[in-house]
Amino acid sequence: MNLRSELGRRKPTTSSQSKYVEELDAAKLRAGLATALHISQPGNLFFQTNKLDGKLHEN
């Protein structure tokens, strides 16, 4: 899984950015982050839909 394709990101614009992306892909960190984002989406949607935020904790 490639995070750039998963999230529809633009291609890096500099050689340093390209190198950074290649190094992250090689370590599969980007895939891990994409998986974490995928897992957290339903929970985030639940909190946003039900307007659950820090206000509950404060009371």
C-alpha atoms as a PDB file:
ATOM      1  CA  MET A   1       0.000   0.000   0.000  1.00  0.00           C
ATOM      2  CA  ASN A   2       1.360   3.416  -0.928  1.00  0.00           C
ATOM      3  CA  LEU A   3       0.206   6.322   1.220  1.00  0.00           C
ATOM      4  CA  ARG A   4       0.442   8.781  -1.664  1.00  0.00           C
ATOM      5  CA  SER A   5      -1.959   6.741  -3.798  1.00  0.00           C
ATOM      6  CA  GLU A   6      -4.117   5.893  -0.783  1.00  0.00           C
ATOM      7  CA  LEU A   7      -4.670   9.540   0.098  1.00  0.00           C
ATOM      8  CA  GLY A   8      -4.423  10.981  -3.416  1.00  0.00           C
ATOM      9  CA  ARG A   9      -1.344  13.061  -2.641  1.00  0.00           C
ATOM     10  CA  ARG A  10       0.615  14.989  -5.239  1.00  0.00           C
ATOM     11  CA  LYS A  11       4.023  13.806  -6.321  1.00  0.00           C
ATOM     12  CA  PRO A  12       6.989  15.349  -4.497  1.00  0.00           C
ATOM     13  CA  THR A  13       8.299  18.479  -6.168  1.00  0.00           C
ATOM     14  CA  THR A  14      11.969  18.321  -5.213  1.00  0.00           C
ATOM     15  CA  SER A  15      14.602  15.627  -5.264  1.00  0.00           C
ATOM     16  CA  SER A  16      14.818  15.808  -1.475  1.00  0.00           C
ATOM     17  CA  GLN A  17      11.094  15.162  -1.203  1.00  0.00           C
ATOM     18  CA  SER A  18      11.367  12.272  -3.661  1.00  0.00           C
ATOM     19  CA  LYS A  19      14.204  10.750  -1.665  1.00  0.00           C
ATOM     20  CA  TYR A  20      12.213  11.160   1.552  1.00  0.00           C
ATOM     21  CA  VAL A  21       9.182   9.402   0.047  1.00  0.00           C
ATOM     22  CA  GLU A  22      11.328   6.561  -1.328  1.00  0.00           C
ATOM     23  CA  GLU A  23      12.990   6.039   2.050  1.00  0.00           C
ATOM     24  CA  LEU A  24       9.652   5.985   3.871  1.00  0.00           C
ATOM     25  CA  ASP A  25       8.225   3.532   1.338  1.00  0.00           C
ATOM     26  CA  ALA A  26      11.264   1.288   1.736  1.00  0.00           C
ATOM     27  CA  ALA A  27      10.680   1.038   5.478  1.00  0.00           C
ATOM     28  CA  LYS A  28       6.916   0.566   4.988  1.00  0.00           C
ATOM     29  CA  LEU A  29       6.264   3.424   7.385  1.00  0.00           C
ATOM     30  CA  ARG A  30       3.908   5.001   4.890  1.00  0.00           C
ATOM     31  CA  ALA A  31       1.889   1.790   4.659  1.00  0.00           C
ATOM     32  CA  GLY A  32       1.697   1.626   8.433  1.00  0.00           C
ATOM     33  CA  LEU A  33       0.485   5.216   8.625  1.00  0.00           C
ATOM     34  CA  ALA A  34      -2.099   4.570   5.915  1.00  0.00           C
ATOM     35  CA  THR A  35      -3.372   1.559   7.858  1.00  0.00           C
ATOM     36  CA  ALA A  36      -3.558   3.586  11.069  1.00  0.00           C
ATOM     37  CA  LEU A  37      -5.529   6.317   9.285  1.00  0.00           C
ATOM     38  CA  HIS A  38      -7.857   3.717   7.800  1.00  0.00           C
ATOM     39  CA  ILE A  39      -8.475   2.174  11.225  1.00  0.00           C
ATOM     40  CA  SER A  40      -9.092   5.534  12.922  1.00  0.00           C
ATOM     41  CA  GLN A  41     -11.571   6.896  10.354  1.00  0.00           C
ATOM     42  CA  PRO A  42     -14.716   5.223  11.780  1.00  0.00           C
ATOM     43  CA  GLY A  43     -13.854   6.321  15.314  1.00  0.00           C
ATOM     44  CA  ASN A  44     -13.189   9.887  14.237  1.00  0.00           C
ATOM     45  CA  LEU A  45     -16.451   9.953  12.295  1.00  0.00           C
ATOM     46  CA  PHE A  46     -18.313   8.684  15.371  1.00  0.00           C
ATOM     47  CA  PHE A  47     -16.844  11.423  17.564  1.00  0.00           C
ATOM     48  CA  GLN A  48     -17.541  14.142  14.992  1.00  0.00           C
ATOM     49  CA  THR A  49     -21.082  12.957  14.261  1.00  0.00           C
ATOM     50  CA  ASN A  50     -21.984  12.780  17.944  1.00  0.00           C
ATOM     51  CA  LYS A  51     -20.087  15.973  18.777  1.00  0.00           C
ATOM     52  CA  LEU A  52     -18.038  14.165  21.404  1.00  0.00           C
ATOM     53  CA  ASP A  53     -15.028  16.238  22.255  1.00  0.00           C
ATOM     54  CA  GLY A  54     -13.189  17.511  25.307  1.00  0.00           C
ATOM     55  CA  LYS A  55     -16.372  19.070  26.689  1.00  0.00           C
ATOM     56  CA  LEU A  56     -17.477  15.681  28.052  1.00  0.00           C
ATOM     57  CA  HIS A  57     -14.204  15.302  29.879  1.00  0.00           C
ATOM     58  CA  GLU A  58     -14.467  18.799  31.370  1.00  0.00           C
ATOM     59  CA  ASN A  59     -17.880  18.114  32.939  1.00  0.00           C
END
